[in-house]
Amino acid sequence: MIGVVKDFHYKSLHATIEPLVLLLFEGSIQHRWAHQIPIRIGPGDVPGTLAYLEETWKHFTHGLPLEYSFLDDKIGRFYESEARLQTIFSFFSGLAIFIACLGVFGLATFMAERRTKEIGIRKVLGATAASVVLLLSKDFVRLVGIAFIVASPLVYLAMRRWLESFAYRIEVGVGVLVLAGALALLIALLTVSYQSIKASRANPVESLRYE
């Protein structure tokens, strides 16, 4: 049988698709070209299937040892460096977010304490709880916006340089950066929400007595 198949990757995505010739030889299993046999097995009893294959192999090869490997393991080895990089980035990103949340929470507590009398006066004059929360949150929105403007070009350049190591790659769109900025803003607002709501629900009489 002679034919042409569609292009497919048989190497890492870091490399381009190169020409490939697939040959089919007739003859015994001990033919010098027949050193590998691809077999697709179901996701069920894998150990039992391997035991059956090994027994069948020994029956037809007169005791030759069976050496096997899984295709998904080979494909996984193509991207071991990316997997390690993902683990490192996930750990340090989580650590950075945790430390940043502690800092934002501390800053929110400090700002709420400094503006205790102001909040009390605003509530006496008719300010709602929502307006007090907005008052304490808008400064953090401004800080997150400044951080987003500074970090976005750096992240874009770093991501684009990393993607250049792949032969076939996507482009870093604006939507990804906007989504990251929105998540950062959401995390900041959730962090300061406790202090903001606590300050908005405080008794204005107690706030005006604050020294």
Protein backbone atom coordinates (compact mmCIF):
# COMPACT_ATOMS: atom_id res chain seq x y z
CA MET A 1 0.00 0.00 0.00
CA ILE A 2 1.36 3.40 -0.97
CA GLY A 3 -0.21 6.67 0.07
CA VAL A 4 0.23 10.11 1.58
CA VAL A 5 -0.94 11.01 5.07
CA LYS A 6 -1.50 14.40 6.60
CA ASP A 7 1.39 16.07 8.40
CA PHE A 8 1.64 15.21 12.07
CA HIS A 9 4.10 15.88 14.88
CA TYR A 10 6.42 13.06 15.83
CA LYS A 11 8.83 15.29 17.71
CA SER A 12 8.49 18.11 20.22
CA LEU A 13 6.53 21.19 19.21
CA HIS A 14 9.81 23.06 19.48
CA ALA A 15 10.74 21.51 16.11
CA THR A 16 9.06 21.94 12.76
CA ILE A 17 7.31 19.07 10.99
CA GLU A 18 9.86 17.27 8.84
CA PRO A 19 9.42 14.72 6.03
CA LEU A 20 8.73 11.18 7.22
CA VAL A 21 8.59 7.88 5.36
CA LEU A 22 6.50 5.06 6.83
CA LEU A 23 7.57 1.58 5.65
CA LEU A 24 5.62 -1.66 6.01
CA PHE A 25 7.66 -4.88 5.77
CA GLU A 26 6.28 -8.34 5.39
CA GLY A 27 7.93 -11.28 7.14
CA SER A 28 8.47 -12.76 10.56
CA ILE A 29 8.54 -10.78 13.76
CA GLN A 30 12.29 -11.36 14.00
CA HIS A 31 12.89 -9.42 10.78
CA ARG A 32 15.69 -6.94 11.30
CA TRP A 33 13.37 -4.02 10.56
CA ALA A 34 10.55 -5.24 12.80
CA HIS A 35 12.00 -4.04 16.11
CA GLN A 36 8.92 -2.15 17.28
CA ILE A 37 5.24 -3.01 17.25
CA PRO A 38 2.69 -0.25 18.08
CA ILE A 39 -0.27 -1.55 20.08
CA ARG A 40 -3.25 0.44 21.30
CA ILE A 41 -4.70 -0.81 24.57
CA GLY A 42 -7.79 0.22 26.47
CA PRO A 43 -7.76 2.30 29.67
CA GLY A 44 -9.02 -0.59 31.81
CA ASP A 45 -6.81 -3.29 33.34
CA VAL A 46 -3.43 -2.11 32.05
CA PRO A 47 -1.29 -4.51 34.21
CA GLY A 48 -3.42 -7.46 33.11
CA THR A 49 -3.13 -6.41 29.46
CA LEU A 50 0.64 -6.10 29.74
CA ALA A 51 0.88 -9.56 31.31
CA TYR A 52 -1.16 -11.02 28.46
CA LEU A 53 1.01 -9.27 25.86
CA GLU A 54 4.20 -10.51 27.52
CA GLU A 55 2.92 -14.08 27.58
CA THR A 56 1.88 -13.89 23.92
CA TRP A 57 5.21 -12.32 22.98
CA LYS A 58 7.22 -15.10 24.61
CA HIS A 59 5.07 -17.70 22.89
CA PHE A 60 5.90 -16.37 19.41
CA THR A 61 9.50 -15.25 20.04
CA HIS A 62 10.75 -18.30 21.94
CA GLY A 63 11.59 -16.53 25.17
CA LEU A 64 12.90 -13.18 23.92
CA PRO A 65 12.34 -10.48 26.57
CA LEU A 66 9.58 -7.97 25.99
CA GLU A 67 10.59 -4.32 26.25
CA TYR A 68 7.75 -1.84 26.10
CA SER A 69 7.10 1.83 26.63
CA PHE A 70 4.04 4.08 26.58
CA LEU A 71 3.61 6.76 23.94
CA ASP A 72 2.24 9.33 26.39
CA ASP A 73 5.40 8.91 28.52
CA LYS A 74 7.57 9.58 25.48
CA ILE A 75 5.52 12.65 24.59
CA GLY A 76 5.73 13.81 28.20
CA ARG A 77 9.52 13.64 28.08
CA PHE A 78 9.43 16.15 25.21
CA TYR A 79 8.15 18.76 27.64
CA GLU A 80 9.92 17.93 30.90
CA SER A 81 11.51 21.38 31.04
CA GLU A 82 8.12 23.04 30.56
CA ALA A 83 6.62 20.88 33.31
CA ARG A 84 9.40 21.86 35.73
CA LEU A 85 8.98 25.49 34.74
CA GLN A 86 5.24 25.26 35.38
CA THR A 87 5.83 23.80 38.85
CA ILE A 88 8.33 26.51 39.76
CA PHE A 89 6.13 29.32 38.46
CA SER A 90 3.03 27.93 40.18
CA PHE A 91 4.80 27.73 43.54
CA PHE A 92 6.37 31.18 43.44
CA SER A 93 3.25 32.78 41.94
CA GLY A 94 1.15 31.38 44.77
CA LEU A 95 3.72 32.56 47.31
CA ALA A 96 3.82 36.04 45.75
CA ILE A 97 0.02 36.30 45.74
CA PHE A 98 -0.13 35.22 49.40
CA ILE A 99 2.49 37.80 50.46
CA ALA A 100 0.78 40.49 48.37
CA CYS A 101 -2.57 39.73 49.99
CA LEU A 102 -1.01 40.04 53.44
CA GLY A 103 0.43 43.41 52.46
CA VAL A 104 -2.85 44.64 50.99
CA PHE A 105 -4.75 43.48 54.08
CA GLY A 106 -2.31 45.28 56.37
CA LEU A 107 -2.51 48.44 54.27
CA ALA A 108 -6.31 48.31 54.26
CA THR A 109 -6.32 47.97 58.05
CA PHE A 110 -3.95 50.92 58.41
CA MET A 111 -6.01 53.13 56.07
CA ALA A 112 -9.25 52.23 57.84
CA GLU A 113 -7.74 53.15 61.20
CA ARG A 114 -6.44 56.48 59.88
CA ARG A 115 -9.81 57.45 58.39
CA THR A 116 -11.97 56.35 61.31
CA LYS A 117 -13.20 59.86 62.13
CA GLU A 118 -13.72 60.70 58.47
CA ILE A 119 -15.85 57.60 58.03
CA GLY A 120 -17.86 58.46 61.13
CA ILE A 121 -18.54 62.01 59.89
CA ARG A 122 -19.56 60.72 56.46
CA LYS A 123 -22.00 58.25 58.04
CA VAL A 124 -23.49 60.95 60.26
CA LEU A 125 -24.01 63.10 57.15
CA GLY A 126 -25.85 60.25 55.45
CA ALA A 127 -23.19 58.22 53.68
CA THR A 128 -24.26 54.67 52.92
CA ALA A 129 -22.25 51.54 53.64
CA ALA A 130 -21.67 51.07 49.91
CA SER A 131 -20.19 54.55 49.56
CA VAL A 132 -17.83 53.90 52.49
CA VAL A 133 -16.69 50.63 50.96
CA LEU A 134 -16.14 52.41 47.65
CA LEU A 135 -14.18 55.14 49.43
CA LEU A 136 -11.76 52.67 50.97
CA SER A 137 -11.50 50.49 47.87
CA LYS A 138 -10.85 53.09 45.19
CA ASP A 139 -7.27 53.70 46.36
CA PHE A 140 -6.49 50.03 45.91
CA VAL A 141 -8.11 50.03 42.49
CA ARG A 142 -5.78 52.86 41.53
CA LEU A 143 -2.74 50.95 42.83
CA VAL A 144 -3.73 47.80 40.97
CA GLY A 145 -4.24 49.85 37.81
CA ILE A 146 -0.76 51.35 38.08
CA ALA A 147 0.74 47.92 38.69
CA PHE A 148 -1.14 46.56 35.67
CA ILE A 149 0.16 49.31 33.40
CA VAL A 150 3.74 48.73 34.56
CA ALA A 151 3.63 44.92 34.48
CA SER A 152 1.71 44.33 31.23
CA PRO A 153 4.52 45.26 28.80
CA LEU A 154 7.04 43.20 30.77
CA VAL A 155 4.75 40.17 30.87
CA TYR A 156 3.98 40.52 27.16
CA LEU A 157 7.66 40.60 26.22
CA ALA A 158 8.53 37.69 28.51
CA MET A 159 5.69 35.53 27.19
CA ARG A 160 6.46 36.35 23.59
CA ARG A 161 10.13 35.48 24.04
CA TRP A 162 9.22 32.15 25.66
CA LEU A 163 6.78 31.29 22.87
CA GLU A 164 9.47 31.95 20.28
CA SER A 165 11.12 28.69 21.32
CA PHE A 166 8.20 26.80 19.73
CA ALA A 167 8.02 26.21 15.99
CA TYR A 168 4.24 26.61 16.06
CA ARG A 169 2.84 29.02 18.60
CA ILE A 170 0.01 31.33 19.49
CA GLU A 171 0.19 35.06 19.95
CA VAL A 172 -0.25 36.69 23.33
CA GLY A 173 -3.47 38.63 22.94
CA VAL A 174 -4.70 41.65 24.84
CA GLY A 175 -7.52 39.56 26.28
CA VAL A 176 -5.09 37.42 28.28
CA LEU A 177 -3.50 40.49 29.86
CA VAL A 178 -6.88 42.06 30.60
CA LEU A 179 -8.08 38.83 32.22
CA ALA A 180 -4.94 38.69 34.39
CA GLY A 181 -5.48 42.32 35.41
CA ALA A 182 -9.12 41.64 36.26
CA LEU A 183 -8.14 38.66 38.43
CA ALA A 184 -5.53 40.76 40.23
CA LEU A 185 -8.14 43.45 40.86
CA LEU A 186 -10.63 40.87 42.12
CA ILE A 187 -8.07 39.38 44.52
CA ALA A 188 -7.22 42.87 45.85
CA LEU A 189 -10.89 43.79 46.35
CA LEU A 190 -11.64 40.51 48.11
CA THR A 191 -8.66 41.10 50.38
CA VAL A 192 -9.73 44.62 51.42
CA SER A 193 -13.45 43.84 51.52
CA TYR A 194 -13.32 42.63 55.13
CA GLN A 195 -11.84 45.85 56.45
CA SER A 196 -14.01 47.98 54.20
CA ILE A 197 -17.24 46.31 55.29
CA LYS A 198 -16.14 46.37 58.93
CA ALA A 199 -15.46 50.11 58.74
CA SER A 200 -18.74 50.82 56.93
CA ARG A 201 -20.76 48.99 59.61
CA ALA A 202 -19.03 50.64 62.57
CA ASN A 203 -21.06 52.83 64.91
CA PRO A 204 -20.42 56.46 63.90
CA VAL A 205 -20.61 57.55 67.54
CA GLU A 206 -17.74 55.24 68.42
CA SER A 207 -15.86 56.42 65.35
CA LEU A 208 -16.12 60.09 66.35
CA ARG A 209 -14.78 59.23 69.82
CA TYR A 210 -11.73 57.60 68.25
CA GLU A 211 -8.40 59.18 69.19
